[in-house]
């Protein structure tokens, strides 16, 4: 986690999720309580000043207890929700 107390501007969230694959080609999914226990990939907020790979390793460890090594970043995207959405986020 970043200890420099920086914050993103109000209303800006930067998040990421990790594809974690084992030697058998199986993909790890976790249940997300805040999304009504739906299945999702491990992930979460990226802190200001934190690199994507650092954030994903931290989030994966927090959510699964696994200590992993980072692979390549394979994709990124952006989602800007309408004002009617209850929680604007960028993915």
Protein backbone atom coordinates (compact mmCIF):
# COMPACT_ATOMS: atom_id res chain seq x y z
CA UNK A 1 0.00 0.00 0.00
CA UNK A 2 1.08 3.55 -0.60
CA UNK A 3 1.91 5.47 2.58
CA UNK A 4 2.22 8.97 1.14
CA UNK A 5 -1.42 9.94 1.84
CA UNK A 6 -2.02 11.00 -1.76
CA UNK A 7 -5.57 10.81 -3.02
CA UNK A 8 -7.14 10.83 -6.44
CA UNK A 9 -9.55 13.70 -7.21
CA UNK A 10 -13.06 13.25 -5.83
CA UNK A 11 -15.06 10.93 -8.06
CA UNK A 12 -12.01 9.26 -9.62
CA UNK A 13 -11.34 5.60 -8.88
CA UNK A 14 -8.66 3.50 -10.53
CA UNK A 15 -9.12 -0.24 -10.15
CA UNK A 16 -7.66 -3.37 -11.64
CA UNK A 17 -8.23 -7.10 -11.65
CA UNK A 18 -5.88 -10.01 -12.17
CA UNK A 19 -6.20 -13.13 -14.27
CA UNK A 20 -4.60 -15.85 -12.17
CA UNK A 21 -4.05 -19.11 -14.06
CA UNK A 22 -2.61 -22.32 -12.63
CA UNK A 23 -0.51 -24.93 -14.45
CA UNK A 24 -3.68 -26.76 -15.55
CA UNK A 25 -5.02 -23.65 -17.29
CA UNK A 26 -7.72 -23.02 -14.67
CA UNK A 27 -8.61 -19.40 -13.88
CA UNK A 28 -9.08 -18.35 -10.25
CA UNK A 29 -12.33 -16.57 -9.43
CA UNK A 30 -13.42 -15.20 -6.06
CA UNK A 31 -16.80 -14.23 -4.65
CA UNK A 32 -17.25 -10.48 -4.19
CA UNK A 33 -19.49 -9.70 -1.19
CA UNK A 34 -19.90 -6.07 -2.26
CA UNK A 35 -21.27 -7.25 -5.63
CA UNK A 36 -23.87 -9.60 -4.08
CA UNK A 37 -21.43 -12.53 -3.91
CA UNK A 38 -21.03 -12.74 -7.68
CA UNK A 39 -17.93 -14.43 -9.09
CA UNK A 40 -15.14 -12.10 -10.20
CA UNK A 41 -11.39 -11.95 -10.68
CA UNK A 42 -9.33 -10.78 -7.70
CA UNK A 43 -8.67 -7.06 -7.80
CA UNK A 44 -9.42 -3.69 -6.35
CA UNK A 45 -8.30 -0.09 -6.04
CA UNK A 46 -4.91 1.06 -7.23
CA UNK A 47 -3.46 3.58 -4.80
CA UNK A 48 -1.89 6.85 -6.01
CA UNK A 49 1.76 6.22 -6.86
CA UNK A 50 1.27 2.44 -6.93
CA UNK A 51 2.16 0.51 -10.08
CA UNK A 52 -0.53 -1.70 -11.59
CA UNK A 53 1.46 -4.90 -10.99
CA UNK A 54 2.11 -3.93 -7.34
CA UNK A 55 -1.57 -3.22 -6.79
CA UNK A 56 -2.71 -6.49 -8.33
CA UNK A 57 -0.24 -8.54 -6.30
CA UNK A 58 -1.38 -6.74 -3.13
CA UNK A 59 -5.07 -7.18 -3.92
CA UNK A 60 -4.62 -10.85 -4.88
CA UNK A 61 -2.80 -11.50 -1.60
CA UNK A 62 -5.50 -9.67 0.40
CA UNK A 63 -8.34 -11.56 -1.28
CA UNK A 64 -6.83 -15.04 -1.66
CA UNK A 65 -3.83 -15.29 0.66
CA UNK A 66 -1.68 -16.27 -2.34
CA UNK A 67 1.79 -14.83 -2.86
CA UNK A 68 2.14 -14.51 -6.63
CA UNK A 69 4.56 -13.09 -9.15
CA UNK A 70 3.39 -10.62 -11.76
CA UNK A 71 3.04 -11.52 -15.40
CA UNK A 72 2.54 -9.09 -18.27
CA UNK A 73 -0.26 -6.53 -18.37
CA UNK A 74 -2.40 -7.90 -21.20
CA UNK A 75 -5.26 -5.44 -21.41
CA UNK A 76 -6.69 -2.27 -19.97
CA UNK A 77 -9.91 -0.39 -20.47
CA UNK A 78 -11.86 2.58 -19.28
CA UNK A 79 -15.45 2.79 -18.14
CA UNK A 80 -17.12 6.09 -17.35
CA UNK A 81 -20.56 5.58 -15.87
CA UNK A 82 -23.44 7.99 -16.05
CA UNK A 83 -24.37 10.17 -13.08
CA UNK A 84 -27.29 7.80 -12.46
CA UNK A 85 -24.91 4.94 -11.65
CA UNK A 86 -24.42 4.69 -7.90
CA UNK A 87 -20.63 4.58 -8.01
CA UNK A 88 -18.53 5.97 -10.90
CA UNK A 89 -15.43 3.89 -11.63
CA UNK A 90 -12.71 3.39 -14.25
CA UNK A 91 -11.62 -0.16 -15.12
